Amino acid sequence: MKTDSVSADASWLIPPRVTVGVLSSDAQSQDMFVRRLNWHSCNLMTLLEREQSWHEFSLCTVESRLTGRRYDELHVLLTAIETASVIDGLLPLARVVHVHHLGASVPLERFGARQYQWPSLEVAARVFAKLYTAQECSALVVDRSDELSWVDEGVVNRSAFSTGSDCVQAMEQLMPQLAVVPATHVRQPQLIVETTPHGSIATLAYVQARVKACLGLEPQIHLLLSERYPECQLTWLAAHDNQSGCR
């Protein structure tokens, strides 16, 4: 009985595994995205002095699709000549499907996946590495139930970044980027705060208050703390109505 109890207790120590696939008709882009996700994630885990990541990034190949492998999350990188209609047959492959567009043109379609607009795949990999790391290591308890069940309906996700010597200065750099978007066009905002452990609860309250004053809503805040951060870094990710024209 004692052995069974120890085994049961030990099972709680096993971290969850989240399988993340990457699919693209452009093999070079597909491979680069996986490599950059791993690179950014490893750097962040080292910075936070964490040894292992929950997330397992891999290529979604023809063979894996034929075997019926299902991912927790699947990233689909669309090329310039592809349309979002190619996603229809991919939805059964994962619980959540992320569709990435590069450049300014994003089709306003409703097909049960989340759409993102990026200036480059490097930026996309950096943002998702931060987001995945924050989901594992945030110093604040994060309720992901709404996020995991939520799907874009005619909106596109975009990001913004800022840095400062502290959170107050970083927020001052971020606010002009957020102010150009009408509050009614913003959904599911997330803010990743990377700073030293010396930041206070009052500072986080200030961050929330500033965003609420600007947009009329409070973002889901992820807090990453490390003595190794030389400055405060803020990463914003939110869904916007496609007509908003924001970054």
Protein backbone atom coordinates (compact mmCIF):
# COMPACT_ATOMS: atom_id res chain seq x y z
CA MET A 1 0.00 0.00 0.00
CA LYS A 2 2.81 2.36 0.82
CA THR A 3 4.44 1.73 -2.56
CA ASP A 4 1.20 2.43 -4.40
CA SER A 5 0.79 5.67 -2.48
CA VAL A 6 4.30 6.80 -3.39
CA SER A 7 3.67 5.95 -7.04
CA ALA A 8 0.43 7.90 -7.02
CA ASP A 9 2.14 10.90 -5.46
CA ALA A 10 4.99 10.69 -7.96
CA SER A 11 2.54 10.80 -10.88
CA TRP A 12 1.65 14.35 -9.92
CA LEU A 13 5.27 15.34 -10.49
CA ILE A 14 5.25 14.26 -14.15
CA PRO A 15 4.84 17.39 -16.33
CA PRO A 16 2.15 17.33 -19.00
CA ARG A 17 3.23 16.84 -22.58
CA VAL A 18 1.81 19.17 -25.21
CA THR A 19 2.40 18.06 -28.78
CA VAL A 20 2.81 20.94 -31.24
CA GLY A 21 2.99 20.21 -34.96
CA VAL A 22 4.08 22.52 -37.77
CA LEU A 23 2.80 22.08 -41.33
CA SER A 24 3.68 23.94 -44.52
CA SER A 25 3.95 23.20 -48.23
CA ASP A 26 7.27 25.07 -48.05
CA ALA A 27 9.64 22.59 -46.40
CA GLN A 28 12.28 25.26 -45.70
CA SER A 29 9.82 27.51 -43.85
CA GLN A 30 8.42 24.54 -41.94
CA ASP A 31 11.85 23.43 -40.77
CA MET A 32 12.91 26.98 -39.91
CA PHE A 33 9.80 27.61 -37.81
CA VAL A 34 10.33 24.46 -35.74
CA ARG A 35 14.02 25.25 -35.24
CA ARG A 36 13.29 28.85 -34.17
CA LEU A 37 10.52 27.73 -31.79
CA ASN A 38 12.97 25.35 -30.15
CA TRP A 39 15.77 27.93 -30.07
CA HIS A 40 13.70 30.69 -28.48
CA SER A 41 12.07 28.25 -26.04
CA CYS A 42 15.42 26.83 -24.91
CA ASN A 43 16.82 30.32 -24.36
CA LEU A 44 13.81 31.33 -22.28
CA MET A 45 13.89 28.15 -20.19
CA THR A 46 17.60 28.73 -19.52
CA LEU A 47 16.91 32.33 -18.55
CA LEU A 48 14.23 31.15 -16.13
CA GLU A 49 16.46 28.32 -14.87
CA ARG A 50 14.00 25.65 -15.90
CA GLU A 51 15.28 22.34 -17.24
CA GLN A 52 12.40 20.92 -19.25
CA SER A 53 9.59 22.19 -21.41
CA TRP A 54 6.10 20.73 -21.59
CA HIS A 55 5.89 21.51 -25.29
CA GLU A 56 7.22 19.15 -27.92
CA PHE A 57 7.66 20.75 -31.36
CA SER A 58 7.81 18.58 -34.47
CA LEU A 59 7.20 18.61 -38.22
CA CYS A 60 3.78 17.45 -39.37
CA THR A 61 4.72 15.21 -42.27
CA VAL A 62 2.76 13.26 -44.87
CA GLU A 63 3.54 10.10 -42.92
CA SER A 64 2.18 11.48 -39.65
CA ARG A 65 -0.99 12.61 -41.41
CA LEU A 66 -1.48 9.18 -42.98
CA THR A 67 -1.13 7.49 -39.61
CA GLY A 68 -3.84 9.72 -38.19
CA ARG A 69 -1.61 11.36 -35.62
CA ARG A 70 -3.45 14.08 -33.69
CA TYR A 71 -1.68 17.06 -32.12
CA ASP A 72 -2.68 19.25 -29.23
CA GLU A 73 -1.87 22.26 -31.41
CA LEU A 74 -1.02 22.55 -35.09
CA HIS A 75 0.63 25.56 -36.75
CA VAL A 76 -0.10 25.93 -40.46
CA LEU A 77 2.18 28.27 -42.41
CA LEU A 78 0.42 29.55 -45.51
CA THR A 79 2.49 30.59 -48.50
CA ALA A 80 1.64 33.68 -50.54
CA ILE A 81 -0.15 31.67 -53.22
CA GLU A 82 -2.22 29.52 -50.85
CA THR A 83 -5.66 30.38 -49.52
CA ALA A 84 -7.15 29.57 -46.16
CA SER A 85 -9.42 27.01 -47.83
CA VAL A 86 -6.58 24.47 -47.55
CA ILE A 87 -7.26 24.41 -43.79
CA ASP A 88 -10.60 22.62 -44.10
CA GLY A 89 -9.06 19.16 -44.18
CA LEU A 90 -6.57 19.92 -41.40
CA LEU A 91 -8.96 20.76 -38.56
CA PRO A 92 -9.32 17.11 -37.43
CA LEU A 93 -5.53 16.90 -36.93
CA ALA A 94 -5.43 19.00 -33.76
CA ARG A 95 -7.46 20.38 -30.90
CA VAL A 96 -6.34 23.91 -31.84
CA VAL A 97 -5.20 25.00 -35.32
CA HIS A 98 -3.15 28.19 -35.76
CA VAL A 99 -3.00 29.64 -39.28
CA HIS A 100 -0.13 32.05 -39.98
CA HIS A 101 -0.19 34.70 -42.72
CA LEU A 102 2.82 36.79 -43.70
CA GLY A 103 2.42 40.33 -44.99
CA ALA A 104 -0.53 42.68 -45.06
CA SER A 105 -3.26 40.62 -46.71
CA VAL A 106 -5.32 38.39 -44.42
CA PRO A 107 -8.57 36.91 -45.75
CA LEU A 108 -11.65 37.44 -43.63
CA GLU A 109 -12.83 33.85 -43.46
CA ARG A 110 -14.54 31.73 -40.82
CA PHE A 111 -13.23 28.20 -40.85
CA GLY A 112 -12.74 27.15 -37.22
CA ALA A 113 -9.04 28.04 -36.82
CA ARG A 114 -7.13 30.97 -35.35
CA GLN A 115 -5.52 33.38 -37.80
CA TYR A 116 -2.37 35.43 -37.24
CA GLN A 117 -0.68 38.18 -39.22
CA TRP A 118 3.11 38.53 -38.93
CA PRO A 119 5.86 40.59 -40.55
CA SER A 120 8.02 37.43 -40.55
CA LEU A 121 8.07 33.83 -39.33
CA GLU A 122 10.88 34.81 -36.95
CA VAL A 123 8.49 37.12 -35.10
CA ALA A 124 5.82 34.39 -35.04
CA ALA A 125 8.26 31.88 -33.56
CA ARG A 126 9.46 34.37 -30.96
CA VAL A 127 5.93 35.24 -29.82
CA PHE A 128 4.77 31.64 -29.57
CA ALA A 129 7.94 30.58 -27.74
CA LYS A 130 7.21 33.31 -25.19
CA LEU A 131 3.54 32.31 -24.98
CA TYR A 132 4.27 28.62 -24.52
CA THR A 133 6.94 29.36 -21.92
CA ALA A 134 4.57 31.71 -20.11
CA GLN A 135 1.88 29.04 -20.01
CA GLU A 136 4.34 26.80 -18.18
CA CYS A 137 6.29 29.24 -16.02
CA SER A 138 4.06 32.23 -15.26
CA ALA A 139 4.27 33.38 -11.65
CA LEU A 140 0.54 34.11 -11.87
CA VAL A 141 -2.11 31.42 -12.03
CA VAL A 142 -3.54 31.36 -15.56
CA ASP A 143 -6.98 30.01 -16.43
CA ARG A 144 -6.72 28.74 -20.02
CA SER A 145 -10.20 27.21 -20.28
CA ASP A 146 -11.64 30.06 -22.34
CA GLU A 147 -8.49 30.39 -24.43
CA LEU A 148 -8.42 26.73 -25.43
CA SER A 149 -12.08 26.62 -26.41
CA TRP A 150 -12.08 29.96 -28.24
CA VAL A 151 -11.84 30.11 -32.04
CA ASP A 152 -11.48 33.15 -34.29
CA GLU A 153 -14.63 34.31 -36.02
CA GLY A 154 -13.62 36.84 -38.64
CA VAL A 155 -10.69 38.22 -36.63
CA VAL A 156 -6.92 38.08 -36.89
CA ASN A 157 -4.32 37.98 -34.11
CA ARG A 158 -1.56 40.58 -34.09
CA SER A 159 1.29 41.38 -31.71
CA ALA A 160 3.12 44.37 -30.26
CA PHE A 161 6.35 44.69 -28.26
CA SER A 162 8.06 47.13 -25.95
CA THR A 163 11.00 47.31 -23.55
CA GLY A 164 11.96 49.62 -20.72
CA SER A 165 14.13 49.85 -17.65
CA ASP A 166 11.04 48.86 -15.65
CA CYS A 167 7.39 47.94 -16.27
CA VAL A 168 6.21 51.54 -16.09
CA GLN A 169 8.62 52.67 -18.81
CA ALA A 170 7.84 49.60 -20.94
CA MET A 171 4.11 50.34 -20.66
CA GLU A 172 4.68 53.90 -21.85
CA GLN A 173 6.35 52.47 -24.95
CA LEU A 174 3.54 49.96 -25.53
CA MET A 175 0.51 52.24 -25.10
CA PRO A 176 0.82 54.17 -28.40
CA GLN A 177 0.73 50.86 -30.26
CA LEU A 178 -2.46 49.80 -28.48
CA ALA A 179 -4.19 53.15 -28.69
CA VAL A 180 -4.61 52.95 -32.48
CA VAL A 181 -7.03 50.01 -32.09
CA PRO A 182 -10.64 50.77 -31.05
CA ALA A 183 -11.53 48.81 -27.94
CA THR A 184 -14.53 47.25 -29.69
CA HIS A 185 -12.15 45.59 -32.17
CA VAL A 186 -10.05 43.76 -29.55
CA ARG A 187 -10.69 40.26 -28.21
CA GLN A 188 -8.80 37.77 -26.05
CA PRO A 189 -5.85 40.06 -25.21
CA GLN A 190 -2.78 38.53 -23.60
CA LEU A 191 0.20 40.37 -22.15
CA ILE A 192 3.47 38.63 -21.32
CA VAL A 193 5.53 40.54 -18.76
CA GLU A 194 9.21 39.57 -18.47
CA THR A 195 10.97 41.28 -15.60
CA THR A 196 13.00 40.79 -12.42
CA PRO A 197 11.46 39.41 -9.21
CA HIS A 198 11.66 42.92 -7.73
CA GLY A 199 8.50 43.99 -9.54
CA SER A 200 5.59 44.49 -7.16
CA ILE A 201 1.90 43.64 -7.22
CA ALA A 202 1.30 47.38 -7.42
CA THR A 203 3.27 47.44 -10.69
CA LEU A 204 1.08 44.72 -12.18
CA ALA A 205 -2.01 46.59 -11.03
CA TYR A 206 -0.65 49.64 -12.83
CA VAL A 207 -0.15 47.62 -16.02
CA GLN A 208 -3.73 46.32 -15.90
CA ALA A 209 -5.13 49.75 -15.15
CA ARG A 210 -3.28 51.36 -18.06
CA VAL A 211 -4.54 48.78 -20.54
CA LYS A 212 -8.08 49.00 -19.19
CA ALA A 213 -8.03 52.79 -19.46
CA CYS A 214 -6.89 52.48 -23.08
CA LEU A 215 -9.08 49.61 -24.29
CA GLY A 216 -11.74 49.19 -21.64
CA LEU A 217 -10.72 45.60 -20.92
CA GLU A 218 -8.14 43.70 -18.90
CA PRO A 219 -5.64 41.38 -20.60
CA GLN A 220 -4.69 37.94 -19.39
CA ILE A 221 -1.30 38.64 -17.82
CA HIS A 222 1.53 36.11 -17.85
CA LEU A 223 4.42 37.00 -15.53
CA LEU A 224 7.92 35.63 -16.16
CA LEU A 225 10.44 36.46 -13.45
CA SER A 226 14.21 36.13 -13.53
CA GLU A 227 17.16 38.00 -12.05
CA ARG A 228 18.77 37.63 -15.49
CA TYR A 229 16.39 40.01 -17.23
CA PRO A 230 18.34 43.24 -17.93
CA GLU A 231 15.09 45.17 -18.49
CA CYS A 232 11.34 44.75 -18.60
CA GLN A 233 9.96 43.28 -21.82
CA LEU A 234 6.27 43.32 -22.77
CA THR A 235 4.72 41.16 -25.48
CA TRP A 236 1.11 41.80 -26.49
CA LEU A 237 -1.01 39.33 -28.45
CA ALA A 238 -4.68 39.92 -29.20
CA ALA A 239 -7.34 39.19 -31.79
CA HIS A 240 -8.58 42.18 -33.75
CA ASP A 241 -11.44 42.59 -36.17
CA ASN A 242 -9.85 42.32 -39.59
CA GLN A 243 -11.16 45.74 -40.59
CA SER A 244 -9.28 47.49 -37.80
CA GLY A 245 -6.10 47.80 -39.86
CA CYS A 246 -3.85 47.58 -36.80
CA ARG A 247 -0.47 45.90 -36.74
